[in-house]
PDB file of N, CA and C in Angstrom:
ATOM      1  N   VAL A   1      -8.992 -11.429  -9.026  1.00  0.00           N
ATOM      2  CA  VAL A   1      -9.393 -10.116  -9.008  1.00  0.00           C
ATOM      3  C   VAL A   1      -8.235  -9.789  -9.785  1.00  0.00           C
ATOM      4  N   TYR A   2      -8.541  -8.531 -10.657  1.00  0.00           N
ATOM      5  CA  TYR A   2      -8.007  -8.299 -11.815  1.00  0.00           C
ATOM      6  C   TYR A   2      -7.294  -6.599 -11.286  1.00  0.00           C
ATOM      7  N   ALA A   3      -6.560  -6.468 -11.651  1.00  0.00           N
ATOM      8  CA  ALA A   3      -5.877  -4.987 -11.241  1.00  0.00           C
ATOM      9  C   ALA A   3      -6.872  -4.105 -11.626  1.00  0.00           C
ATOM     10  N   GLU A   4      -7.566  -3.583 -12.388  1.00  0.00           N
ATOM     11  CA  GLU A   4      -8.479  -2.849 -12.577  1.00  0.00           C
ATOM     12  C   GLU A   4      -9.423  -2.579 -11.407  1.00  0.00           C
ATOM     13  N   ASP A   5      -9.759  -4.029 -10.450  1.00  0.00           N
ATOM     14  CA  ASP A   5     -10.725  -4.115  -9.523  1.00  0.00           C
ATOM     15  C   ASP A   5     -10.167  -3.413  -8.211  1.00  0.00           C
ATOM     16  N   ILE A   6      -8.733  -2.881  -8.059  1.00  0.00           N
ATOM     17  CA  ILE A   6      -8.259  -2.271  -6.672  1.00  0.00           C
ATOM     18  C   ILE A   6      -8.044  -1.186  -6.893  1.00  0.00           C
ATOM     19  N   GLY A   7      -8.146  -0.468  -5.993  1.00  0.00           N
ATOM     20  CA  GLY A   7      -8.120   1.368  -6.057  1.00  0.00           C
ATOM     21  C   GLY A   7      -7.115   1.628  -5.433  1.00  0.00           C
ATOM     22  N   GLN A   8      -6.368   2.409  -5.646  1.00  0.00           N
ATOM     23  CA  GLN A   8      -5.266   2.680  -4.912  1.00  0.00           C
ATOM     24  C   GLN A   8      -4.927   4.196  -4.720  1.00  0.00           C
ATOM     25  N   LEU A   9      -4.801   4.680  -3.528  1.00  0.00           N
ATOM     26  CA  LEU A   9      -5.298   5.963  -3.210  1.00  0.00           C
ATOM     27  C   LEU A   9      -3.974   6.658  -2.449  1.00  0.00           C
ATOM     28  N   ALA A  10      -3.080   7.566  -2.824  1.00  0.00           N
ATOM     29  CA  ALA A  10      -1.905   7.895  -2.229  1.00  0.00           C
ATOM     30  C   ALA A  10      -2.328   8.589  -0.860  1.00  0.00           C
ATOM     31  N   SER A  11      -3.223   9.162  -0.692  1.00  0.00           N
ATOM     32  CA  SER A  11      -3.465   9.560   0.451  1.00  0.00           C
ATOM     33  C   SER A  11      -5.337   9.723   0.431  1.00  0.00           C
ATOM     34  N   GLN A  12      -5.568   9.137   1.564  1.00  0.00           N
ATOM     35  CA  GLN A  12      -6.992   8.978   1.578  1.00  0.00           C
ATOM     36  C   GLN A  12      -7.776  10.111   2.058  1.00  0.00           C
ATOM     37  N   HIS A  13      -6.985  10.890   2.869  1.00  0.00           N
ATOM     38  CA  HIS A  13      -7.544  12.276   3.257  1.00  0.00           C
ATOM     39  C   HIS A  13      -7.712  13.321   1.936  1.00  0.00           C
ATOM     40  N   HIS A  14      -6.113  13.306   1.273  1.00  0.00           N
ATOM     41  CA  HIS A  14      -6.109  14.429  -0.241  1.00  0.00           C
ATOM     42  C   HIS A  14      -7.166  13.832  -1.229  1.00  0.00           C
ATOM     43  N   GLN A  15      -6.943  12.467  -1.215  1.00  0.00           N
ATOM     44  CA  GLN A  15      -7.926  12.103  -2.504  1.00  0.00           C
ATOM     45  C   GLN A  15      -9.592  12.487  -2.222  1.00  0.00           C
ATOM     46  N   SER A  16      -9.905  12.082  -0.941  1.00  0.00           N
ATOM     47  CA  SER A  16     -11.412  12.391  -0.702  1.00  0.00           C
ATOM     48  C   SER A  16     -11.849  13.931  -0.808  1.00  0.00           C
ATOM     49  N   HIS A  17     -10.492  14.538  -0.388  1.00  0.00           N
ATOM     50  CA  HIS A  17     -11.377  16.253  -0.597  1.00  0.00           C
ATOM     51  C   HIS A  17     -10.821  16.445  -1.991  1.00  0.00           C
ATOM     52  N   LEU A  18     -10.002  16.137  -2.625  1.00  0.00           N
ATOM     53  CA  LEU A  18     -10.170  16.367  -4.277  1.00  0.00           C
ATOM     54  C   LEU A  18     -11.322  15.921  -4.708  1.00  0.00           C
ATOM     55  N   LEU A  19     -11.725  15.075  -4.579  1.00  0.00           N
ATOM     56  CA  LEU A  19     -13.225  14.728  -5.610  1.00  0.00           C
ATOM     57  C   LEU A  19     -14.617  15.097  -4.544  1.00  0.00           C
ATOM     58  N   GLY A  20     -14.339  16.063  -3.646  1.00  0.00           N
ATOM     59  CA  GLY A  20     -15.598  16.755  -3.289  1.00  0.00           C
ATOM     60  C   GLY A  20     -16.485  16.344  -1.959  1.00  0.00           C
ATOM     61  N   PHE A  21     -15.242  15.112  -1.457  1.00  0.00           N
ATOM     62  CA  PHE A  21     -15.993  14.636  -0.171  1.00  0.00           C
ATOM     63  C   PHE A  21     -15.532  15.544   1.077  1.00  0.00           C
ATOM     64  N   GLU A  22     -16.575  15.702   2.089  1.00  0.00           N
ATOM     65  CA  GLU A  22     -15.894  16.000   3.197  1.00  0.00           C
ATOM     66  C   GLU A  22     -15.298  15.083   4.159  1.00  0.00           C
ATOM     67  N   ASP A  23     -15.812  13.680   3.963  1.00  0.00           N
ATOM     68  CA  ASP A  23     -15.785  13.037   5.210  1.00  0.00           C
ATOM     69  C   ASP A  23     -14.917  11.473   4.175  1.00  0.00           C
ATOM     70  N   VAL A  24     -13.949  11.137   4.652  1.00  0.00           N
ATOM     71  CA  VAL A  24     -13.119   9.925   4.364  1.00  0.00           C
ATOM     72  C   VAL A  24     -13.960   8.926   4.165  1.00  0.00           C
ATOM     73  N   ASP A  25     -14.671   8.613   5.102  1.00  0.00           N
ATOM     74  CA  ASP A  25     -15.644   7.366   5.110  1.00  0.00           C
ATOM     75  C   ASP A  25     -16.975   7.525   4.164  1.00  0.00           C
ATOM     76  N   ASP A  26     -17.838   8.674   3.873  1.00  0.00           N
ATOM     77  CA  ASP A  26     -18.399   8.908   2.941  1.00  0.00           C
ATOM     78  C   ASP A  26     -17.765   8.606   1.601  1.00  0.00           C
ATOM     79  N   PHE A  27     -16.530   8.792   1.432  1.00  0.00           N
ATOM     80  CA  PHE A  27     -15.787   8.810  -0.107  1.00  0.00           C
ATOM     81  C   PHE A  27     -15.550   7.263   0.323  1.00  0.00           C
ATOM     82  N   LEU A  28     -14.784   6.464   0.905  1.00  0.00           N
ATOM     83  CA  LEU A  28     -14.741   4.864   1.018  1.00  0.00           C
ATOM     84  C   LEU A  28     -15.724   4.251   0.530  1.00  0.00           C
ATOM     85  N   GLU A  29     -17.052   4.517   1.238  1.00  0.00           N
ATOM     86  CA  GLU A  29     -18.356   4.105   0.943  1.00  0.00           C
ATOM     87  C   GLU A  29     -18.503   3.802  -0.495  1.00  0.00           C
ATOM     88  N   LYS A  30     -18.988   5.248  -1.221  1.00  0.00           N
ATOM     89  CA  LYS A  30     -18.995   5.393  -2.231  1.00  0.00           C
ATOM     90  C   LYS A  30     -18.169   4.968  -3.770  1.00  0.00           C
ATOM     91  N   LEU A  31     -16.525   4.630  -3.416  1.00  0.00           N
ATOM     92  CA  LEU A  31     -15.490   4.093  -4.001  1.00  0.00           C
ATOM     93  C   LEU A  31     -15.781   2.865  -3.891  1.00  0.00           C
ATOM     94  N   ILE A  32     -16.033   1.873  -2.942  1.00  0.00           N
ATOM     95  CA  ILE A  32     -16.042   0.594  -2.667  1.00  0.00           C
ATOM     96  C   ILE A  32     -17.020  -0.121  -3.349  1.00  0.00           C
ATOM     97  N   ARG A  33     -18.084   0.843  -3.892  1.00  0.00           N
ATOM     98  CA  ARG A  33     -19.136   0.080  -4.864  1.00  0.00           C
ATOM     99  C   ARG A  33     -18.784   0.092  -6.033  1.00  0.00           C
ATOM    100  N   GLU A  34     -18.020   0.520  -6.460  1.00  0.00           N
ATOM    101  CA  GLU A  34     -17.020   0.504  -7.846  1.00  0.00           C
ATOM    102  C   GLU A  34     -15.652  -0.435  -7.757  1.00  0.00           C
ATOM    103  N   VAL A  35     -15.196  -0.725  -6.908  1.00  0.00           N
ATOM    104  CA  VAL A  35     -13.798  -1.439  -7.273  1.00  0.00           C
ATOM    105  C   VAL A  35     -13.928  -2.854  -5.564  1.00  0.00           C
ATOM    106  N   GLU A  36     -13.255  -3.744  -5.920  1.00  0.00           N
ATOM    107  CA  GLU A  36     -13.549  -5.023  -4.872  1.00  0.00           C
ATOM    108  C   GLU A  36     -12.741  -4.513  -3.388  1.00  0.00           C
ATOM    109  N   GLU A  37     -11.686  -4.030  -3.902  1.00  0.00           N
ATOM    110  CA  GLU A  37     -10.341  -3.742  -2.997  1.00  0.00           C
ATOM    111  C   GLU A  37     -10.085  -2.073  -3.022  1.00  0.00           C
ATOM    112  N   ILE A  38      -9.834  -1.641  -1.909  1.00  0.00           N
ATOM    113  CA  ILE A  38      -9.173  -0.395  -2.041  1.00  0.00           C
ATOM    114  C   ILE A  38      -8.111  -0.224  -0.860  1.00  0.00           C
ATOM    115  N   VAL A  39      -6.949   0.280  -1.777  1.00  0.00           N
ATOM    116  CA  VAL A  39      -5.338   0.043  -1.138  1.00  0.00           C
ATOM    117  C   VAL A  39      -5.141   1.512  -0.311  1.00  0.00           C
ATOM    118  N   LEU A  40      -5.354   1.614   0.891  1.00  0.00           N
ATOM    119  CA  LEU A  40      -4.627   2.947   1.377  1.00  0.00           C
ATOM    120  C   LEU A  40      -3.484   3.130   2.057  1.00  0.00           C
ATOM    121  N   THR A  41      -2.694   3.646   1.957  1.00  0.00           N
ATOM    122  CA  THR A  41      -1.253   4.122   2.062  1.00  0.00           C
ATOM    123  C   THR A  41      -1.360   4.917   3.003  1.00  0.00           C
ATOM    124  N   LYS A  42      -0.693   4.984   3.969  1.00  0.00           N
ATOM    125  CA  LYS A  42      -0.654   5.685   5.280  1.00  0.00           C
ATOM    126  C   LYS A  42       0.574   6.239   5.809  1.00  0.00           C
ATOM    127  N   GLY A  43       1.693   6.194   4.801  1.00  0.00           N
ATOM    128  CA  GLY A  43       3.031   6.857   5.071  1.00  0.00           C
ATOM    129  C   GLY A  43       3.493   5.844   6.321  1.00  0.00           C
ATOM    130  N   SER A  44       4.002   6.520   7.210  1.00  0.00           N
ATOM    131  CA  SER A  44       5.057   5.663   8.566  1.00  0.00           C
ATOM    132  C   SER A  44       4.355   4.834   9.117  1.00  0.00           C
ATOM    133  N   GLU A  45       2.926   4.837   8.969  1.00  0.00           N
ATOM    134  CA  GLU A  45       1.624   4.052   9.833  1.00  0.00           C
ATOM    135  C   GLU A  45       1.295   2.830   8.725  1.00  0.00           C
ATOM    136  N   GLY A  46       1.865   2.777   7.643  1.00  0.00           N
ATOM    137  CA  GLY A  46       2.133   1.330   6.642  1.00  0.00           C
ATOM    138  C   GLY A  46       0.486   1.430   5.758  1.00  0.00           C
ATOM    139  N   ALA A  47      -0.046   0.679   5.776  1.00  0.00           N
ATOM    140  CA  ALA A  47      -1.366   0.942   4.662  1.00  0.00           C
ATOM    141  C   ALA A  47      -2.477  -0.321   5.355  1.00  0.00           C
ATOM    142  N   GLU A  48      -3.775  -0.286   4.553  1.00  0.00           N
ATOM    143  CA  GLU A  48      -4.370  -0.913   4.923  1.00  0.00           C
ATOM    144  C   GLU A  48      -5.484  -1.178   3.810  1.00  0.00           C
ATOM    145  N   VAL A  49      -6.160  -2.258   3.522  1.00  0.00           N
ATOM    146  CA  VAL A  49      -6.944  -2.645   2.305  1.00  0.00           C
ATOM    147  C   VAL A  49      -8.351  -2.842   2.974  1.00  0.00           C
ATOM    148  N   VAL A  50      -9.086  -2.155   2.103  1.00  0.00           N
ATOM    149  CA  VAL A  50     -10.773  -2.198   2.540  1.00  0.00           C
ATOM    150  C   VAL A  50     -11.314  -2.900   1.744  1.00  0.00           C
ATOM    151  N   THR A  51     -12.004  -3.954   2.064  1.00  0.00           N
ATOM    152  CA  THR A  51     -13.194  -4.500   0.965  1.00  0.00           C
ATOM    153  C   THR A  51     -14.726  -4.583   1.807  1.00  0.00           C
ATOM    154  N   ASN A  52     -15.501  -5.071   1.081  1.00  0.00           N
ATOM    155  CA  ASN A  52     -17.131  -4.790   1.339  1.00  0.00           C
ATOM    156  C   ASN A  52     -17.372  -5.629   2.444  1.00  0.00           C
ATOM    157  N   GLU A  53     -16.356  -6.676   3.002  1.00  0.00           N
ATOM    158  CA  GLU A  53     -16.788  -7.174   4.070  1.00  0.00           C
ATOM    159  C   GLU A  53     -15.584  -7.048   5.553  1.00  0.00           C
ATOM    160  N   GLU A  54     -14.288  -6.430   4.930  1.00  0.00           N
ATOM    161  CA  GLU A  54     -13.530  -6.715   6.231  1.00  0.00           C
ATOM    162  C   GLU A  54     -12.413  -5.524   5.938  1.00  0.00           C
ATOM    163  N   VAL A  55     -11.702  -4.882   6.708  1.00  0.00           N
ATOM    164  CA  VAL A  55     -10.366  -3.834   6.704  1.00  0.00           C
ATOM    165  C   VAL A  55      -9.348  -4.997   7.187  1.00  0.00           C
ATOM    166  N   PHE A  56      -8.255  -4.851   6.500  1.00  0.00           N
ATOM    167  CA  PHE A  56      -6.788  -5.260   6.722  1.00  0.00           C
ATOM    168  C   PHE A  56      -6.200  -4.330   6.956  1.00  0.00           C
ATOM    169  N   GLU A  57      -5.033  -4.465   7.705  1.00  0.00           N
ATOM    170  CA  GLU A  57      -3.871  -3.124   8.405  1.00  0.00           C
ATOM    171  C   GLU A  57      -2.630  -3.959   8.612  1.00  0.00           C
ATOM    172  N   HIS A  58      -1.587  -3.124   7.881  1.00  0.00           N
ATOM    173  CA  HIS A  58      -0.511  -3.311   8.401  1.00  0.00           C
ATOM    174  C   HIS A  58       0.447  -2.438   8.794  1.00  0.00           C
ATOM    175  N   LYS A  59       1.153  -2.796   9.471  1.00  0.00           N
ATOM    176  CA  LYS A  59       2.225  -1.386   9.974  1.00  0.00           C
ATOM    177  C   LYS A  59       3.559  -1.744   9.819  1.00  0.00           C
ATOM    178  N   PRO A  60       4.470  -1.109   9.155  1.00  0.00           N
ATOM    179  CA  PRO A  60       5.826  -1.329   8.697  1.00  0.00           C
ATOM    180  C   PRO A  60       6.846  -1.628   9.866  1.00  0.00           C
ATOM    181  N   PRO A  61       7.747  -2.338   9.269  1.00  0.00           N
ATOM    182  CA  PRO A  61       8.839  -2.783  10.854  1.00  0.00           C
ATOM    183  C   PRO A  61       9.488  -1.422  10.559  1.00  0.00           C
ATOM    184  N   GLU A  62      10.440  -1.217  11.783  1.00  0.00           N
ATOM    185  CA  GLU A  62      11.131  -0.038  12.122  1.00  0.00           C
ATOM    186  C   GLU A  62      12.431  -0.051  11.087  1.00  0.00           C
ATOM    187  N   THR A  63      12.500   1.131  10.933  1.00  0.00           N
ATOM    188  CA  THR A  63      13.503   1.045   9.557  1.00  0.00           C
ATOM    189  C   THR A  63      14.367   2.514   9.421  1.00  0.00           C
ATOM    190  N   ASP A  64      15.212   2.598   8.942  1.00  0.00           N
ATOM    191  CA  ASP A  64      16.025   4.014   8.961  1.00  0.00           C
ATOM    192  C   ASP A  64      15.833   4.584   7.848  1.00  0.00           C
ATOM    193  N   VAL A  65      14.884   5.611   8.048  1.00  0.00           N
ATOM    194  CA  VAL A  65      14.582   5.912   6.394  1.00  0.00           C
ATOM    195  C   VAL A  65      15.838   7.299   6.077  1.00  0.00           C
ATOM    196  N   GLU A  66      15.789   6.718   4.958  1.00  0.00           N
ATOM    197  CA  GLU A  66      16.949   7.706   3.906  1.00  0.00           C
ATOM    198  C   GLU A  66      16.196   8.560   2.925  1.00  0.00           C
ATOM    199  N   ASP A  67      15.362   8.050   2.558  1.00  0.00           N
ATOM    200  CA  ASP A  67      14.375   9.057   1.292  1.00  0.00           C
ATOM    201  C   ASP A  67      12.860   7.975   1.047  1.00  0.00           C
ATOM    202  N   THR A  68      12.076   8.578   1.084  1.00  0.00           N
ATOM    203  CA  THR A  68      10.544   8.212   0.777  1.00  0.00           C
ATOM    204  C   THR A  68       9.914   8.282  -0.434  1.00  0.00           C
ATOM    205  N   THR A  69      11.018   8.728  -1.616  1.00  0.00           N
ATOM    206  CA  THR A  69      10.627   8.810  -3.075  1.00  0.00           C
ATOM    207  C   THR A  69      10.482   7.405  -3.617  1.00  0.00           C
ATOM    208  N   GLY A  70       9.077   7.096  -4.075  1.00  0.00           N
ATOM    209  CA  GLY A  70       8.818   5.984  -4.511  1.00  0.00           C
ATOM    210  C   GLY A  70       8.397   4.587  -3.960  1.00  0.00           C
ATOM    211  N   ALA A  71       8.137   5.058  -2.452  1.00  0.00           N
ATOM    212  CA  ALA A  71       7.453   4.028  -1.333  1.00  0.00           C
ATOM    213  C   ALA A  71       6.204   3.814  -1.974  1.00  0.00           C
ATOM    214  N   GLY A  72       5.378   4.479  -2.349  1.00  0.00           N
ATOM    215  CA  GLY A  72       4.013   4.247  -2.949  1.00  0.00           C
ATOM    216  C   GLY A  72       4.194   4.005  -4.084  1.00  0.00           C
ATOM    217  N   GLY A  73       4.764   4.004  -4.709  1.00  0.00           N
ATOM    218  CA  GLY A  73       5.060   3.054  -6.309  1.00  0.00           C
ATOM    219  C   GLY A  73       5.378   1.602  -5.563  1.00  0.00           C
ATOM    220  N   ALA A  74       6.124   1.500  -4.685  1.00  0.00           N
ATOM    221  CA  ALA A  74       7.152   0.392  -4.450  1.00  0.00           C
ATOM    222  C   ALA A  74       5.904  -0.716  -3.680  1.00  0.00           C
ATOM    223  N   LEU A  75       5.127   0.222  -3.022  1.00  0.00           N
ATOM    224  CA  LEU A  75       3.536  -0.587  -2.205  1.00  0.00           C
ATOM    225  C   LEU A  75       2.796  -1.130  -3.256  1.00  0.00           C
ATOM    226  N   ALA A  76       2.589  -0.482  -4.101  1.00  0.00           N
ATOM    227  CA  ALA A  76       1.582  -0.573  -5.252  1.00  0.00           C
ATOM    228  C   ALA A  76       1.851  -1.707  -5.954  1.00  0.00           C
ATOM    229  N   GLY A  77       3.355  -1.552  -6.582  1.00  0.00           N
ATOM    230  CA  GLY A  77       3.582  -2.794  -7.447  1.00  0.00           C
ATOM    231  C   GLY A  77       3.758  -4.042  -6.520  1.00  0.00           C
ATOM    232  N   ALA A  78       4.214  -4.160  -5.646  1.00  0.00           N
ATOM    233  CA  ALA A  78       4.238  -5.128  -4.399  1.00  0.00           C
ATOM    234  C   ALA A  78       3.162  -5.717  -4.402  1.00  0.00           C
ATOM    235  N   TYR A  79       2.102  -4.873  -3.711  1.00  0.00           N
ATOM    236  CA  TYR A  79       0.805  -5.621  -3.763  1.00  0.00           C
ATOM    237  C   TYR A  79      -0.085  -6.348  -5.095  1.00  0.00           C
ATOM    238  N   LEU A  80       0.213  -5.462  -5.959  1.00  0.00           N
ATOM    239  CA  LEU A  80      -0.368  -6.528  -7.236  1.00  0.00           C
ATOM    240  C   LEU A  80       0.403  -7.637  -7.606  1.00  0.00           C
ATOM    241  N   ALA A  81       1.911  -7.268  -7.472  1.00  0.00           N
ATOM    242  CA  ALA A  81       2.775  -8.816  -7.429  1.00  0.00           C
ATOM    243  C   ALA A  81       2.161 -10.142  -6.709  1.00  0.00           C
ATOM    244  N   PHE A  82       1.794  -9.539  -5.431  1.00  0.00           N
ATOM    245  CA  PHE A  82       1.399 -10.837  -4.620  1.00  0.00           C
ATOM    246  C   PHE A  82       0.205 -10.932  -4.572  1.00  0.00           C
ATOM    247  N   ARG A  83      -0.929 -10.512  -5.133  1.00  0.00           N
ATOM    248  CA  ARG A  83      -1.930 -10.323  -4.863  1.00  0.00           C
ATOM    249  C   ARG A  83      -2.672 -11.927  -4.790  1.00  0.00           C
ATOM    250  N   GLN A  84      -1.910 -12.711  -5.762  1.00  0.00           N
ATOM    251  CA  GLN A  84      -2.848 -13.851  -5.811  1.00  0.00           C
ATOM    252  C   GLN A  84      -2.778 -14.798  -4.530  1.00  0.00           C
ATOM    253  N   GLN A  85      -1.895 -14.392  -3.397  1.00  0.00           N
ATOM    254  CA  GLN A  85      -1.273 -15.005  -2.682  1.00  0.00           C
ATOM    255  C   GLN A  85      -2.329 -14.685  -1.068  1.00  0.00           C
ATOM    256  N   GLY A  86      -3.128 -13.744  -1.920  1.00  0.00           N
ATOM    257  CA  GLY A  86      -4.437 -13.519  -0.661  1.00  0.00           C
ATOM    258  C   GLY A  86      -4.031 -12.144   0.138  1.00  0.00           C
ATOM    259  N   ILE A  87      -5.168 -11.422   0.404  1.00  0.00           N
ATOM    260  CA  ILE A  87      -4.945  -9.817   0.555  1.00  0.00           C
ATOM    261  C   ILE A  87      -4.059  -9.925   1.884  1.00  0.00           C
ATOM    262  N   GLU A  88      -4.128 -10.525   2.779  1.00  0.00           N
ATOM    263  CA  GLU A  88      -3.126 -10.319   3.620  1.00  0.00           C
ATOM    264  C   GLU A  88      -1.329 -10.366   3.612  1.00  0.00           C
ATOM    265  N   SER A  89      -1.512 -11.457   2.940  1.00  0.00           N
ATOM    266  CA  SER A  89      -0.186 -11.441   2.518  1.00  0.00           C
ATOM    267  C   SER A  89       0.399 -10.373   1.637  1.00  0.00           C
ATOM    268  N   ALA A  90      -0.440 -10.227   0.756  1.00  0.00           N
ATOM    269  CA  ALA A  90       0.270  -8.911  -0.351  1.00  0.00           C
ATOM    270  C   ALA A  90      -0.086  -7.911   0.434  1.00  0.00           C
ATOM    271  N   LEU A  91      -0.621  -7.307   1.577  1.00  0.00           N
ATOM    272  CA  LEU A  91      -0.597  -6.402   2.061  1.00  0.00           C
ATOM    273  C   LEU A  91       0.990  -6.274   2.983  1.00  0.00           C
ATOM    274  N   GLU A  92       0.741  -7.294   3.825  1.00  0.00           N
ATOM    275  CA  GLU A  92       2.484  -7.475   4.568  1.00  0.00           C
ATOM    276  C   GLU A  92       3.464  -7.460   3.647  1.00  0.00           C
ATOM    277  N   LYS A  93       3.514  -8.272   2.790  1.00  0.00           N
ATOM    278  CA  LYS A  93       4.602  -7.527   1.836  1.00  0.00           C
ATOM    279  C   LYS A  93       4.813  -6.809   1.098  1.00  0.00           C
ATOM    280  N   SER A  94       3.661  -5.966   0.703  1.00  0.00           N
ATOM    281  CA  SER A  94       3.824  -4.499  -0.263  1.00  0.00           C
ATOM    282  C   SER A  94       4.231  -3.381   1.015  1.00  0.00           C
ATOM    283  N   VAL A  95       3.583  -3.688   2.280  1.00  0.00           N
ATOM    284  CA  VAL A  95       4.176  -2.656   3.112  1.00  0.00           C
ATOM    285  C   VAL A  95       5.691  -2.907   3.607  1.00  0.00           C
ATOM    286  N   ASP A  96       6.109  -3.964   3.615  1.00  0.00           N
ATOM    287  CA  ASP A  96       7.397  -4.217   3.966  1.00  0.00           C
ATOM    288  C   ASP A  96       8.509  -3.770   2.877  1.00  0.00           C
ATOM    289  N   ALA A  97       8.208  -3.962   1.459  1.00  0.00           N
ATOM    290  CA  ALA A  97       8.565  -3.556   0.459  1.00  0.00           C
ATOM    291  C   ALA A  97       8.837  -2.266   0.186  1.00  0.00           C
ATOM    292  N   ALA A  98       7.504  -1.239   0.896  1.00  0.00           N
ATOM    293  CA  ALA A  98       7.432  -0.089   1.021  1.00  0.00           C
ATOM    294  C   ALA A  98       8.345   0.296   1.867  1.00  0.00           C
ATOM    295  N   ALA A  99       9.002  -0.033   2.987  1.00  0.00           N
ATOM    296  CA  ALA A  99       9.492   0.389   4.144  1.00  0.00           C
ATOM    297  C   ALA A  99      11.189   0.434   3.531  1.00  0.00           C
ATOM    298  N   LEU A 100      11.483  -1.235   3.034  1.00  0.00           N
ATOM    299  CA  LEU A 100      13.198  -1.535   2.446  1.00  0.00           C
ATOM    300  C   LEU A 100      13.291  -0.026   1.396  1.00  0.00           C
ATOM    301  N   SER A 101      12.393   0.291   0.548  1.00  0.00           N
ATOM    302  CA  SER A 101      12.452   1.435  -0.376  1.00  0.00           C
ATOM    303  C   SER A 101      12.943   2.455  -0.010  1.00  0.00           C
ATOM    304  N   THR A 102      12.631   2.583   1.434  1.00  0.00           N
ATOM    305  CA  THR A 102      12.739   4.572   1.973  1.00  0.00           C
ATOM    306  C   THR A 102      13.942   4.236   2.569  1.00  0.00           C
ATOM    307  N   GLN A 103      15.292   2.965   2.569  1.00  0.00           N
ATOM    308  CA  GLN A 103      16.637   2.710   3.081  1.00  0.00           C
ATOM    309  C   GLN A 103      17.480   3.566   2.545  1.00  0.00           C
ATOM    310  N   LYS A 104      17.051   3.540   0.930  1.00  0.00           N
ATOM    311  CA  LYS A 104      18.181   4.158  -0.091  1.00  0.00           C
ATOM    312  C   LYS A 104      17.885   5.578  -0.501  1.00  0.00           C
ATOM    313  N   LYS A 105      18.369   6.336  -1.273  1.00  0.00           N
ATOM    314  CA  LYS A 105      18.051   7.518  -1.989  1.00  0.00           C
ATOM    315  C   LYS A 105      17.506   7.115  -3.598  1.00  0.00           C
ATOM    316  N   GLY A 106      16.597   7.535  -3.835  1.00  0.00           N
ATOM    317  CA  GLY A 106      16.311   7.388  -5.459  1.00  0.00           C
ATOM    318  C   GLY A 106      14.955   6.485  -5.223  1.00  0.00           C
ATOM    319  N   ALA A 107      13.934   6.374  -6.368  1.00  0.00           N
ATOM    320  CA  ALA A 107      12.902   5.663  -6.764  1.00  0.00           C
ATOM    321  C   ALA A 107      13.265   4.227  -6.879  1.00  0.00           C
ATOM    322  N   MET A 108      13.730   4.125  -8.308  1.00  0.00           N
ATOM    323  CA  MET A 108      14.004   3.090  -9.138  1.00  0.00           C
ATOM    324  C   MET A 108      14.979   2.052  -8.292  1.00  0.00           C
ATOM    325  N   SER A 109      16.181   2.924  -7.835  1.00  0.00           N
ATOM    326  CA  SER A 109      17.423   2.438  -7.385  1.00  0.00           C
ATOM    327  C   SER A 109      17.104   1.768  -5.953  1.00  0.00           C
ATOM    328  N   ALA A 110      16.122   2.564  -5.596  1.00  0.00           N
ATOM    329  CA  ALA A 110      15.724   1.873  -4.047  1.00  0.00           C
ATOM    330  C   ALA A 110      14.786   0.750  -3.717  1.00  0.00           C
ATOM    331  N   LEU A 111      14.334   0.223  -5.128  1.00  0.00           N
ATOM    332  CA  LEU A 111      13.476  -0.841  -5.121  1.00  0.00           C
ATOM    333  C   LEU A 111      13.932  -2.091  -4.635  1.00  0.00           C
ATOM    334  N   PRO A 112      13.230  -2.834  -3.565  1.00  0.00           N
ATOM    335  CA  PRO A 112      14.087  -3.976  -3.109  1.00  0.00           C
ATOM    336  C   PRO A 112      13.851  -5.140  -4.031  1.00  0.00           C
ATOM    337  N   LYS A 113      14.945  -5.933  -4.169  1.00  0.00           N
ATOM    338  CA  LYS A 113      14.867  -7.008  -5.149  1.00  0.00           C
ATOM    339  C   LYS A 113      13.999  -8.036  -4.143  1.00  0.00           C
ATOM    340  N   LEU A 114      13.156  -9.107  -4.606  1.00  0.00           N
ATOM    341  CA  LEU A 114      12.820 -10.340  -3.949  1.00  0.00           C
ATOM    342  C   LEU A 114      13.530 -11.092  -2.840  1.00  0.00           C
ATOM    343  N   ALA A 115      14.448 -11.145  -3.386  1.00  0.00           N
ATOM    344  CA  ALA A 115      15.730 -11.996  -2.214  1.00  0.00           C
ATOM    345  C   ALA A 115      15.573 -10.962  -0.991  1.00  0.00           C
ATOM    346  N   GLU A 116      15.836  -9.468  -1.230  1.00  0.00           N
ATOM    347  CA  GLU A 116      15.839  -8.494   0.006  1.00  0.00           C
ATOM    348  C   GLU A 116      14.515  -8.799   0.642  1.00  0.00           C
ATOM    349  N   LEU A 117      13.729  -8.633   0.133  1.00  0.00           N
ATOM    350  CA  LEU A 117      11.947  -8.921   0.894  1.00  0.00           C
ATOM    351  C   LEU A 117      11.862  -9.919   1.863  1.00  0.00           C
ATOM    352  N   LYS A 118      12.343 -11.469   1.099  1.00  0.00           N
ATOM    353  CA  LYS A 118      12.330 -12.511   1.761  1.00  0.00           C
ATOM    354  C   LYS A 118      13.036 -12.482   3.049  1.00  0.00           C
ATOM    355  N   ASN A 119      14.379 -11.999   2.890  1.00  0.00           N
ATOM    356  CA  ASN A 119      15.104 -11.544   3.777  1.00  0.00           C
ATOM    357  C   ASN A 119      14.925 -10.829   4.827  1.00  0.00           C
ATOM    358  N   SER A 120      13.954  -9.743   4.754  1.00  0.00           N
ATOM    359  CA  SER A 120      13.640  -8.770   5.350  1.00  0.00           C
ATOM    360  C   SER A 120      12.498  -9.323   6.493  1.00  0.00           C
ATOM    361  N   MET A 121      11.921 -10.388   5.580  1.00  0.00           N
ATOM    362  CA  MET A 121      10.507 -10.643   6.594  1.00  0.00           C
ATOM    363  C   MET A 121      10.977 -11.971   7.232  1.00  0.00           C
ATOM    364  N   SER A 122      12.023 -12.576   7.063  1.00  0.00           N
ATOM    365  CA  SER A 122      12.271 -13.985   8.063  1.00  0.00           C
ATOM    366  C   SER A 122      13.449 -13.394   9.164  1.00  0.00           C
ATOM    367  N   ASP A 123      13.600 -11.812   9.246  1.00  0.00           N
ATOM    368  CA  ASP A 123      14.259 -11.107  10.566  1.00  0.00           C
ATOM    369  C   ASP A 123      13.009 -11.406  11.644  1.00  0.00           C
TER     370      ASP A 123
END
């Protein structure tokens, strides 16, 4: 899977309306014909990955949120970084990375290091 085969949407509802679709499901049906996977971020509810065959979901761990700036970018970057490990693994790690990134103020300064991500997933 190449990065260009993955669609990432900051908000499924917002994006579908911007593109002229009244119904999110209609939007997803059309989009999945163009890409192999769609990563839908859902804020405090985590994220899901939609493929032609399946839908994968992962909810974030409970965390003390300081600042959500950059959480979507953390999720997207981690998903692409871990995608070769499989959809479920990449989704779990990317949602957890996004949750970790909300524990500090700022975008770049709050991005978790790999060791932090591994430690948080072993708790």
